[in-house]
Amino acid sequence: MTAQSVDTLATRAREIAARVADPEIPVLTIEDLGVLRDVRADADGRIAVDITPTYSGCPAMDAIRDDIVLALTADGFEDVEVRLVLSPAWTTDWMSEDGKRKLVEYGIAPPSGRAAHRQGPIRLALSVRCPQCGSLDTREVSRFGSTSCKALYECRACQEPFDHFKVI
């Protein structure tokens, strides 16, 4: 197989893997989340996919790995390996703008700002915008929402509860 053929194979495999939905937030793909890190092919047609969990111990990673393997094998790839890569650690900075837009449409407040893992001042969120009505008059009800990546908020304006995807 030529180098160009290997690149074409890797590109095709990436396009397929990128469409895999997150099992916890099905309107997002693993590419939207920034969980899909790399897809490689070799001259023997083997495909290697690297994924990074949103946090260590994320229970969705087994399902994501299985869904990637199923998607690629259903499209004719026979030898697929999915590796969990923990370094560098995932950050909400890797989430796409399209993914953040999809979160709002789904009723989840997206992360705002940049992650505090960089040097410099740590930014504090003064308020979280309600994805239902747009109000900034919200309050955190619980630091942990439906998953560890999210916090539970309540909007004081429309009285609706909502998840907020934390800046990590």
Protein backbone atom coordinates (compact mmCIF):
# COMPACT_ATOMS: atom_id res chain seq x y z
CA MET A 1 0.00 0.00 0.00
CA THR A 2 1.37 3.43 -0.92
CA ALA A 3 1.76 6.27 1.56
CA GLN A 4 -1.07 8.10 -0.21
CA SER A 5 -3.33 5.03 0.11
CA VAL A 6 -2.52 4.80 3.84
CA ASP A 7 -3.37 8.50 4.27
CA THR A 8 -6.64 8.05 2.36
CA LEU A 9 -7.52 5.04 4.53
CA ALA A 10 -6.77 7.01 7.72
CA THR A 11 -8.87 9.95 6.51
CA ARG A 12 -11.82 7.67 5.71
CA ALA A 13 -11.51 5.93 9.09
CA ARG A 14 -11.38 9.30 10.89
CA GLU A 15 -14.53 10.51 9.12
CA ILE A 16 -16.36 7.38 10.30
CA ALA A 17 -15.04 7.52 13.87
CA ALA A 18 -15.81 11.25 14.08
CA ARG A 19 -19.53 10.52 13.59
CA VAL A 20 -19.75 8.27 16.67
CA ALA A 21 -22.18 9.81 19.16
CA ASP A 22 -21.37 10.38 22.82
CA PRO A 23 -23.53 7.88 24.76
CA GLU A 24 -24.25 10.36 27.56
CA ILE A 25 -25.08 13.35 25.33
CA PRO A 26 -26.28 11.79 22.06
CA VAL A 27 -26.51 15.11 20.17
CA LEU A 28 -22.71 15.38 20.37
CA THR A 29 -20.18 13.34 18.45
CA ILE A 30 -16.87 12.35 19.97
CA GLU A 31 -15.30 14.84 17.58
CA ASP A 32 -17.59 17.63 18.88
CA LEU A 33 -16.39 16.80 22.40
CA GLY A 34 -12.72 16.66 21.44
CA VAL A 35 -12.51 13.08 22.72
CA LEU A 36 -11.34 11.77 19.32
CA ARG A 37 -7.63 12.57 19.31
CA ASP A 38 -6.04 10.67 16.42
CA VAL A 39 -6.74 8.05 13.75
CA ARG A 40 -3.90 6.26 11.98
CA ALA A 41 -3.64 3.54 9.36
CA ASP A 42 -0.69 1.35 8.47
CA ALA A 43 0.34 -0.37 5.24
CA ASP A 44 -1.45 -3.57 6.31
CA GLY A 45 -4.77 -1.74 6.65
CA ARG A 46 -4.80 -1.74 10.45
CA ILE A 47 -6.54 1.22 12.03
CA ALA A 48 -5.49 2.75 15.37
CA VAL A 49 -7.79 5.24 17.06
CA ASP A 50 -6.79 7.34 20.09
CA ILE A 51 -9.47 8.70 22.41
CA THR A 52 -9.12 10.75 25.59
CA PRO A 53 -11.78 10.60 28.32
CA THR A 54 -13.37 13.79 29.58
CA TYR A 55 -12.14 12.69 33.01
CA SER A 56 -10.28 9.63 34.32
CA GLY A 57 -12.68 6.83 35.04
CA CYS A 58 -15.40 8.11 32.70
CA PRO A 59 -17.82 5.16 32.38
CA ALA A 60 -18.77 6.13 28.82
CA MET A 61 -15.33 5.27 27.41
CA ASP A 62 -16.07 1.53 27.10
CA ALA A 63 -19.24 2.29 25.14
CA ILE A 64 -17.39 4.82 22.96
CA ARG A 65 -14.62 2.32 22.24
CA ASP A 66 -17.17 -0.36 21.28
CA ASP A 67 -19.13 2.09 19.11
CA ILE A 68 -15.95 3.11 17.25
CA VAL A 69 -15.04 -0.51 16.59
CA LEU A 70 -18.60 -1.30 15.42
CA ALA A 71 -18.74 1.75 13.13
CA LEU A 72 -15.38 0.98 11.52
CA THR A 73 -15.94 -2.78 11.12
CA ALA A 74 -19.42 -2.14 9.68
CA ASP A 75 -17.70 0.00 7.04
CA GLY A 76 -15.27 -2.78 6.09
CA PHE A 77 -12.28 -2.16 8.34
CA GLU A 78 -11.22 -5.50 9.77
CA ASP A 79 -8.39 -4.71 12.19
CA VAL A 80 -9.26 -1.85 14.55
CA GLU A 81 -7.55 -0.92 17.81
CA VAL A 82 -8.89 1.84 20.07
CA ARG A 83 -6.45 3.20 22.65
CA LEU A 84 -7.31 5.26 25.70
CA VAL A 85 -4.82 8.15 25.91
CA LEU A 86 -4.70 9.97 29.25
CA SER A 87 -1.99 12.50 28.54
CA PRO A 88 -2.45 15.27 27.84
CA ALA A 89 -5.60 15.35 29.92
CA TRP A 90 -8.82 16.31 28.16
CA THR A 91 -10.00 19.88 28.53
CA THR A 92 -13.19 21.66 27.52
CA ASP A 93 -10.90 23.80 25.34
CA TRP A 94 -10.96 20.84 22.92
CA MET A 95 -14.74 21.03 22.51
CA SER A 96 -15.79 22.46 19.14
CA GLU A 97 -17.90 25.60 18.80
CA ASP A 98 -20.44 23.47 16.93
CA GLY A 99 -20.53 21.09 19.90
CA LYS A 100 -21.16 23.98 22.30
CA ARG A 101 -24.00 25.18 20.09
CA LYS A 102 -25.51 21.68 20.08
CA LEU A 103 -25.34 21.60 23.89
CA VAL A 104 -27.43 24.78 24.13
CA GLU A 105 -29.98 23.41 21.65
CA TYR A 106 -30.18 20.23 23.77
CA GLY A 107 -30.76 22.22 26.96
CA ILE A 108 -27.28 22.02 28.51
CA ALA A 109 -25.31 25.18 29.26
CA PRO A 110 -21.92 24.81 27.53
CA PRO A 111 -18.61 25.52 29.23
CA SER A 112 -17.60 29.14 28.99
CA GLY A 113 -14.09 30.48 29.16
CA ARG A 114 -10.83 28.58 29.02
CA ALA A 115 -9.69 25.85 31.35
CA ALA A 116 -7.64 26.93 34.37
CA HIS A 117 -4.85 24.42 33.70
CA ARG A 118 -2.79 27.13 32.07
CA GLN A 119 -0.60 29.51 34.01
CA GLY A 120 -2.11 32.80 34.99
CA PRO A 121 -5.16 33.94 36.89
CA ILE A 122 -7.94 31.45 37.51
CA ARG A 123 -11.19 32.68 36.05
CA LEU A 124 -14.35 32.39 38.08
CA ALA A 125 -17.74 32.07 36.47
CA LEU A 126 -19.97 34.76 37.92
CA SER A 127 -23.06 33.31 36.28
CA VAL A 128 -24.16 30.62 33.87
CA ARG A 129 -26.63 31.51 31.10
CA CYS A 130 -29.83 29.44 31.12
CA PRO A 131 -30.06 27.42 27.88
CA GLN A 132 -33.88 27.61 28.05
CA CYS A 133 -34.56 31.37 28.36
CA GLY A 134 -31.08 32.97 28.23
CA SER A 135 -31.27 34.50 31.70
CA LEU A 136 -28.11 35.00 33.75
CA ASP A 137 -30.16 34.81 36.97
CA THR A 138 -29.16 31.22 37.74
CA ARG A 139 -27.76 29.34 40.70
CA GLU A 140 -25.80 26.15 41.18
CA VAL A 141 -27.93 23.51 42.91
CA SER A 142 -25.31 20.75 42.93
CA ARG A 143 -21.67 20.63 41.83
CA PHE A 144 -22.46 17.32 40.13
CA GLY A 145 -25.26 16.89 37.63
CA SER A 146 -26.30 13.90 35.55
CA THR A 147 -22.62 13.10 34.99
CA SER A 148 -19.42 14.18 36.73
CA CYS A 149 -18.64 16.52 33.83
CA LYS A 150 -21.73 18.59 34.55
CA ALA A 151 -23.16 20.63 37.42
CA LEU A 152 -26.87 21.02 38.14
CA TYR A 153 -28.21 24.58 37.92
CA GLU A 154 -31.57 26.23 38.33
CA CYS A 155 -32.82 29.28 36.48
CA ARG A 156 -34.51 31.77 38.75
CA ALA A 157 -36.23 33.45 35.79
CA CYS A 158 -37.96 30.47 34.13
CA GLN A 159 -37.64 28.08 37.11
CA GLU A 160 -36.18 25.33 34.90
CA PRO A 161 -33.35 23.09 36.09
CA PHE A 162 -30.51 22.47 33.64
CA ASP A 163 -27.09 20.88 33.41
CA HIS A 164 -24.00 23.04 32.92
CA PHE A 165 -20.98 21.40 31.29
CA LYS A 166 -18.14 22.42 33.61
CA VAL A 167 -14.97 24.08 32.36
CA ILE A 168 -12.30 21.43 32.87
